[in-house]
C-alpha atoms as a PDB file:
ATOM      1  CA  UNK A   1       3.325  11.864 -27.285  1.00  0.00           C
ATOM      2  CA  UNK A   2       2.596   9.573 -24.472  1.00  0.00           C
ATOM      3  CA  UNK A   3      -0.557   7.534 -25.135  1.00  0.00           C
ATOM      4  CA  UNK A   4      -1.994   8.393 -21.667  1.00  0.00           C
ATOM      5  CA  UNK A   5      -1.693  12.021 -22.670  1.00  0.00           C
ATOM      6  CA  UNK A   6      -4.997  12.037 -24.506  1.00  0.00           C
ATOM      7  CA  UNK A   7      -6.644  11.373 -20.987  1.00  0.00           C
ATOM      8  CA  UNK A   8      -5.274  14.339 -19.204  1.00  0.00           C
ATOM      9  CA  UNK A   9      -7.835  17.055 -20.265  1.00  0.00           C
ATOM     10  CA  UNK A  10      -6.892  20.457 -19.490  1.00  0.00           C
ATOM     11  CA  UNK A  11      -3.858  21.355 -17.317  1.00  0.00           C
ATOM     12  CA  UNK A  12      -3.439  24.506 -15.215  1.00  0.00           C
ATOM     13  CA  UNK A  13      -1.038  25.744 -12.565  1.00  0.00           C
ATOM     14  CA  UNK A  14       2.666  24.737 -12.035  1.00  0.00           C
ATOM     15  CA  UNK A  15       4.124  22.461  -9.157  1.00  0.00           C
ATOM     16  CA  UNK A  16       2.038  21.945  -6.268  1.00  0.00           C
ATOM     17  CA  UNK A  17      -0.703  24.339  -7.802  1.00  0.00           C
ATOM     18  CA  UNK A  18      -1.113  22.012 -10.918  1.00  0.00           C
ATOM     19  CA  UNK A  19      -4.541  20.799 -11.457  1.00  0.00           C
ATOM     20  CA  UNK A  20      -5.799  18.253 -14.183  1.00  0.00           C
ATOM     21  CA  UNK A  21      -9.390  19.369 -15.304  1.00  0.00           C
ATOM     22  CA  UNK A  22     -11.942  17.018 -16.791  1.00  0.00           C
ATOM     23  CA  UNK A  23     -13.206  18.243 -20.063  1.00  0.00           C
ATOM     24  CA  UNK A  24     -16.670  16.805 -19.617  1.00  0.00           C
ATOM     25  CA  UNK A  25     -17.590  17.907 -16.063  1.00  0.00           C
ATOM     26  CA  UNK A  26     -16.179  20.376 -13.457  1.00  0.00           C
ATOM     27  CA  UNK A  27     -14.060  17.672 -11.688  1.00  0.00           C
ATOM     28  CA  UNK A  28     -10.345  18.887 -10.927  1.00  0.00           C
ATOM     29  CA  UNK A  29      -7.444  16.843  -9.221  1.00  0.00           C
ATOM     30  CA  UNK A  30      -3.582  17.558  -8.584  1.00  0.00           C
ATOM     31  CA  UNK A  31      -2.974  13.911  -9.909  1.00  0.00           C
ATOM     32  CA  UNK A  32      -2.890  13.021 -13.632  1.00  0.00           C
ATOM     33  CA  UNK A  33      -3.595   9.181 -12.601  1.00  0.00           C
ATOM     34  CA  UNK A  34      -6.511  10.187 -10.676  1.00  0.00           C
ATOM     35  CA  UNK A  35      -7.887  12.200 -13.532  1.00  0.00           C
ATOM     36  CA  UNK A  36      -7.369   9.055 -15.878  1.00  0.00           C
ATOM     37  CA  UNK A  37      -9.524   6.917 -13.490  1.00  0.00           C
ATOM     38  CA  UNK A  38     -12.042   9.555 -13.297  1.00  0.00           C
ATOM     39  CA  UNK A  39     -12.377   9.929 -17.104  1.00  0.00           C
ATOM     40  CA  UNK A  40     -13.351   6.283 -17.204  1.00  0.00           C
ATOM     41  CA  UNK A  41     -16.721   7.332 -15.563  1.00  0.00           C
ATOM     42  CA  UNK A  42     -17.329   9.204 -18.639  1.00  0.00           C
ATOM     43  CA  UNK A  43     -15.938   6.815 -21.493  1.00  0.00           C
ATOM     44  CA  UNK A  44     -17.059   3.591 -19.828  1.00  0.00           C
ATOM     45  CA  UNK A  45     -13.542   1.970 -20.046  1.00  0.00           C
ATOM     46  CA  UNK A  46     -13.272  -0.736 -17.535  1.00  0.00           C
ATOM     47  CA  UNK A  47      -9.721  -2.187 -18.049  1.00  0.00           C
ATOM     48  CA  UNK A  48      -9.203  -4.439 -14.818  1.00  0.00           C
ATOM     49  CA  UNK A  49     -11.098  -7.839 -15.174  1.00  0.00           C
ATOM     50  CA  UNK A  50     -11.764 -10.675 -12.930  1.00  0.00           C
ATOM     51  CA  UNK A  51     -12.048 -14.178 -14.116  1.00  0.00           C
ATOM     52  CA  UNK A  52     -15.543 -14.196 -13.124  1.00  0.00           C
ATOM     53  CA  UNK A  53     -16.365 -11.821 -15.810  1.00  0.00           C
ATOM     54  CA  UNK A  54     -16.922  -8.519 -13.757  1.00  0.00           C
ATOM     55  CA  UNK A  55     -14.720  -5.596 -14.628  1.00  0.00           C
ATOM     56  CA  UNK A  56     -13.584  -2.482 -12.918  1.00  0.00           C
ATOM     57  CA  UNK A  57     -12.254   1.114 -13.376  1.00  0.00           C
ATOM     58  CA  UNK A  58      -9.331   0.725 -10.985  1.00  0.00           C
ATOM     59  CA  UNK A  59      -7.079  -2.103  -9.969  1.00  0.00           C
ATOM     60  CA  UNK A  60      -7.958  -1.276  -6.172  1.00  0.00           C
ATOM     61  CA  UNK A  61     -11.538  -2.143  -6.928  1.00  0.00           C
ATOM     62  CA  UNK A  62     -10.686  -5.368  -8.638  1.00  0.00           C
ATOM     63  CA  UNK A  63      -8.330  -6.365  -5.536  1.00  0.00           C
ATOM     64  CA  UNK A  64     -11.319  -5.688  -3.153  1.00  0.00           C
ATOM     65  CA  UNK A  65     -13.624  -7.723  -5.423  1.00  0.00           C
ATOM     66  CA  UNK A  66     -11.167 -10.773  -5.702  1.00  0.00           C
ATOM     67  CA  UNK A  67     -11.429 -10.997  -1.880  1.00  0.00           C
ATOM     68  CA  UNK A  68     -15.047 -11.976  -2.526  1.00  0.00           C
ATOM     69  CA  UNK A  69     -13.796 -15.176  -4.207  1.00  0.00           C
ATOM     70  CA  UNK A  70     -11.384 -16.052  -1.596  1.00  0.00           C
ATOM     71  CA  UNK A  71     -12.426 -18.798   1.045  1.00  0.00           C
ATOM     72  CA  UNK A  72      -9.930 -17.341   3.491  1.00  0.00           C
ATOM     73  CA  UNK A  73     -11.446 -16.711   6.832  1.00  0.00           C
ATOM     74  CA  UNK A  74     -10.642 -13.629   8.605  1.00  0.00           C
ATOM     75  CA  UNK A  75     -10.352 -13.330  12.510  1.00  0.00           C
ATOM     76  CA  UNK A  76     -11.173  -9.531  13.544  1.00  0.00           C
ATOM     77  CA  UNK A  77      -9.842  -7.762  16.634  1.00  0.00           C
ATOM     78  CA  UNK A  78     -12.812  -6.619  18.677  1.00  0.00           C
ATOM     79  CA  UNK A  79     -10.925  -3.751  19.848  1.00  0.00           C
ATOM     80  CA  UNK A  80      -9.356  -2.111  16.724  1.00  0.00           C
ATOM     81  CA  UNK A  81     -11.045  -4.079  13.823  1.00  0.00           C
ATOM     82  CA  UNK A  82      -7.710  -5.209  12.464  1.00  0.00           C
ATOM     83  CA  UNK A  83      -8.067  -8.600  10.513  1.00  0.00           C
ATOM     84  CA  UNK A  84      -5.943 -11.721  10.539  1.00  0.00           C
ATOM     85  CA  UNK A  85      -5.940 -14.971   8.513  1.00  0.00           C
ATOM     86  CA  UNK A  86      -4.947 -17.100  11.580  1.00  0.00           C
ATOM     87  CA  UNK A  87      -6.620 -17.276  15.110  1.00  0.00           C
ATOM     88  CA  UNK A  88      -2.928 -17.380  16.717  1.00  0.00           C
ATOM     89  CA  UNK A  89      -2.070 -14.183  14.882  1.00  0.00           C
ATOM     90  CA  UNK A  90      -5.280 -12.339  16.438  1.00  0.00           C
ATOM     91  CA  UNK A  91      -4.389 -13.899  19.801  1.00  0.00           C
ATOM     92  CA  UNK A  92      -0.742 -12.551  19.660  1.00  0.00           C
ATOM     93  CA  UNK A  93      -2.175  -9.128  18.459  1.00  0.00           C
ATOM     94  CA  UNK A  94      -4.364  -8.700  21.308  1.00  0.00           C
ATOM     95  CA  UNK A  95      -1.213  -8.084  23.403  1.00  0.00           C
ATOM     96  CA  UNK A  96      -0.756  -4.560  21.790  1.00  0.00           C
ATOM     97  CA  UNK A  97      -4.153  -3.500  23.644  1.00  0.00           C
ATOM     98  CA  UNK A  98      -2.816  -4.601  27.135  1.00  0.00           C
ATOM     99  CA  UNK A  99      -1.022  -2.196  29.471  1.00  0.00           C
ATOM    100  CA  UNK A 100       2.847  -1.964  28.910  1.00  0.00           C
ATOM    101  CA  UNK A 101       4.507  -3.901  31.529  1.00  0.00           C
ATOM    102  CA  UNK A 102       8.088  -4.756  30.135  1.00  0.00           C
ATOM    103  CA  UNK A 103      10.917  -1.930  30.319  1.00  0.00           C
ATOM    104  CA  UNK A 104      13.859  -1.702  28.305  1.00  0.00           C
ATOM    105  CA  UNK A 105      17.044  -1.474  30.613  1.00  0.00           C
ATOM    106  CA  UNK A 106      18.832   0.850  28.008  1.00  0.00           C
ATOM    107  CA  UNK A 107      16.190   3.436  27.125  1.00  0.00           C
ATOM    108  CA  UNK A 108      13.444   2.799  29.503  1.00  0.00           C
ATOM    109  CA  UNK A 109      10.721   2.250  26.783  1.00  0.00           C
ATOM    110  CA  UNK A 110       7.814   0.463  27.800  1.00  0.00           C
ATOM    111  CA  UNK A 111       6.646  -2.581  25.958  1.00  0.00           C
ATOM    112  CA  UNK A 112       3.442  -4.799  26.166  1.00  0.00           C
ATOM    113  CA  UNK A 113       5.108  -8.239  25.669  1.00  0.00           C
ATOM    114  CA  UNK A 114       8.250 -10.288  26.178  1.00  0.00           C
ATOM    115  CA  UNK A 115       8.545 -10.934  22.530  1.00  0.00           C
ATOM    116  CA  UNK A 116       8.441  -7.112  21.663  1.00  0.00           C
ATOM    117  CA  UNK A 117      10.975  -6.347  24.229  1.00  0.00           C
ATOM    118  CA  UNK A 118      13.211  -9.035  22.759  1.00  0.00           C
ATOM    119  CA  UNK A 119      12.867  -7.517  19.195  1.00  0.00           C
ATOM    120  CA  UNK A 120      13.271  -4.064  20.605  1.00  0.00           C
ATOM    121  CA  UNK A 121      16.658  -5.152  22.228  1.00  0.00           C
ATOM    122  CA  UNK A 122      17.843  -6.521  18.826  1.00  0.00           C
ATOM    123  CA  UNK A 123      17.353  -2.956  17.577  1.00  0.00           C
ATOM    124  CA  UNK A 124      19.679  -1.612  20.104  1.00  0.00           C
ATOM    125  CA  UNK A 125      22.319  -4.174  19.318  1.00  0.00           C
ATOM    126  CA  UNK A 126      21.621  -3.785  15.415  1.00  0.00           C
ATOM    127  CA  UNK A 127      20.988  -7.381  15.076  1.00  0.00           C
ATOM    128  CA  UNK A 128      19.611  -8.411  11.647  1.00  0.00           C
ATOM    129  CA  UNK A 129      18.868 -12.163  11.844  1.00  0.00           C
ATOM    130  CA  UNK A 130      16.394 -12.104   8.705  1.00  0.00           C
ATOM    131  CA  UNK A 131      17.597 -11.591   5.156  1.00  0.00           C
ATOM    132  CA  UNK A 132      15.615 -11.505   2.029  1.00  0.00           C
ATOM    133  CA  UNK A 133      16.678 -14.231  -0.772  1.00  0.00           C
ATOM    134  CA  UNK A 134      15.715 -11.959  -3.732  1.00  0.00           C
ATOM    135  CA  UNK A 135      17.816  -8.712  -2.797  1.00  0.00           C
ATOM    136  CA  UNK A 136      20.027  -9.562   0.347  1.00  0.00           C
ATOM    137  CA  UNK A 137      18.247  -6.825   2.530  1.00  0.00           C
ATOM    138  CA  UNK A 138      18.477  -7.585   6.029  1.00  0.00           C
ATOM    139  CA  UNK A 139      15.741  -6.970   8.884  1.00  0.00           C
ATOM    140  CA  UNK A 140      15.567  -7.215  12.666  1.00  0.00           C
ATOM    141  CA  UNK A 141      12.192  -9.082  12.869  1.00  0.00           C
ATOM    142  CA  UNK A 142      10.532 -11.794  10.696  1.00  0.00           C
ATOM    143  CA  UNK A 143       7.491  -9.584  10.102  1.00  0.00           C
ATOM    144  CA  UNK A 144       9.636  -6.885   8.716  1.00  0.00           C
ATOM    145  CA  UNK A 145      11.099  -9.402   6.261  1.00  0.00           C
ATOM    146  CA  UNK A 146       7.625 -10.571   5.303  1.00  0.00           C
ATOM    147  CA  UNK A 147       6.511  -7.195   4.549  1.00  0.00           C
ATOM    148  CA  UNK A 148       9.575  -6.476   2.648  1.00  0.00           C
ATOM    149  CA  UNK A 149       9.051  -9.509   0.529  1.00  0.00           C
ATOM    150  CA  UNK A 150       5.487  -8.258  -0.659  1.00  0.00           C
ATOM    151  CA  UNK A 151       7.214  -5.302  -2.348  1.00  0.00           C
ATOM    152  CA  UNK A 152       8.949  -7.838  -4.598  1.00  0.00           C
ATOM    153  CA  UNK A 153       5.579  -9.372  -5.798  1.00  0.00           C
ATOM    154  CA  UNK A 154       3.583  -6.122  -6.204  1.00  0.00           C
ATOM    155  CA  UNK A 155       2.468  -5.153  -9.679  1.00  0.00           C
ATOM    156  CA  UNK A 156       3.509  -1.952 -10.809  1.00  0.00           C
ATOM    157  CA  UNK A 157       0.467  -0.672 -12.564  1.00  0.00           C
ATOM    158  CA  UNK A 158       0.707   3.274 -11.789  1.00  0.00           C
ATOM    159  CA  UNK A 159       2.578   4.974 -14.642  1.00  0.00           C
ATOM    160  CA  UNK A 160       4.106   8.455 -15.332  1.00  0.00           C
ATOM    161  CA  UNK A 161       2.257   9.788 -18.352  1.00  0.00           C
ATOM    162  CA  UNK A 162       5.521  11.789 -19.126  1.00  0.00           C
ATOM    163  CA  UNK A 163       8.194   9.239 -19.128  1.00  0.00           C
ATOM    164  CA  UNK A 164       6.624   5.892 -18.590  1.00  0.00           C
ATOM    165  CA  UNK A 165       8.064   5.227 -15.032  1.00  0.00           C
ATOM    166  CA  UNK A 166       6.027   2.550 -13.169  1.00  0.00           C
ATOM    167  CA  UNK A 167       5.367   2.028  -9.483  1.00  0.00           C
ATOM    168  CA  UNK A 168       3.002   0.270  -7.255  1.00  0.00           C
ATOM    169  CA  UNK A 169       1.717   3.375  -5.352  1.00  0.00           C
ATOM    170  CA  UNK A 170       0.253   6.521  -6.383  1.00  0.00           C
ATOM    171  CA  UNK A 171       2.469   8.404  -3.615  1.00  0.00           C
ATOM    172  CA  UNK A 172       5.734   6.995  -5.303  1.00  0.00           C
ATOM    173  CA  UNK A 173       4.399   8.511  -8.600  1.00  0.00           C
ATOM    174  CA  UNK A 174       3.623  11.917  -7.014  1.00  0.00           C
ATOM    175  CA  UNK A 175       7.390  11.890  -5.641  1.00  0.00           C
ATOM    176  CA  UNK A 176       8.668  11.026  -9.156  1.00  0.00           C
ATOM    177  CA  UNK A 177       6.701  13.974 -10.767  1.00  0.00           C
ATOM    178  CA  UNK A 178       7.887  16.394  -8.145  1.00  0.00           C
ATOM    179  CA  UNK A 179      11.318  15.439  -9.212  1.00  0.00           C
END
């Protein structure tokens, strides 16, 4: 039996109707990992620790806490609230809130900057100028490559209670469980 099985409480239903029920209160959830996190409110377990001594019941809480130790200053868009580490990134972002004024000659899509039109055209011609050194995947834009590289560094701490499969996102575990 898998070690996490002891946290699953009672299970009812099958497939999309499956619910994991807390044995100590009326809490119910369709996701086993969510119940495991909930059970920590009853048993006091706080497995995610910061170097400063504080501990947390979920990895996401620890990640949010670690930002309080960071000296990184964030620049916030006054229109949508999105945050950036650099002022020039915010300045570039502000273009998305402008009225579209660049038109694609192929599909007539309206774009808001010359740079986004150039990237858009590369998609029409399937030009992949950026490649990942780790896996060889190629991308049209530098930002796509940067986002992809983050996936290589993500800690896989969401685990399947049945087979031990690990992933970084709860949604991937849900897909795995449905299979």
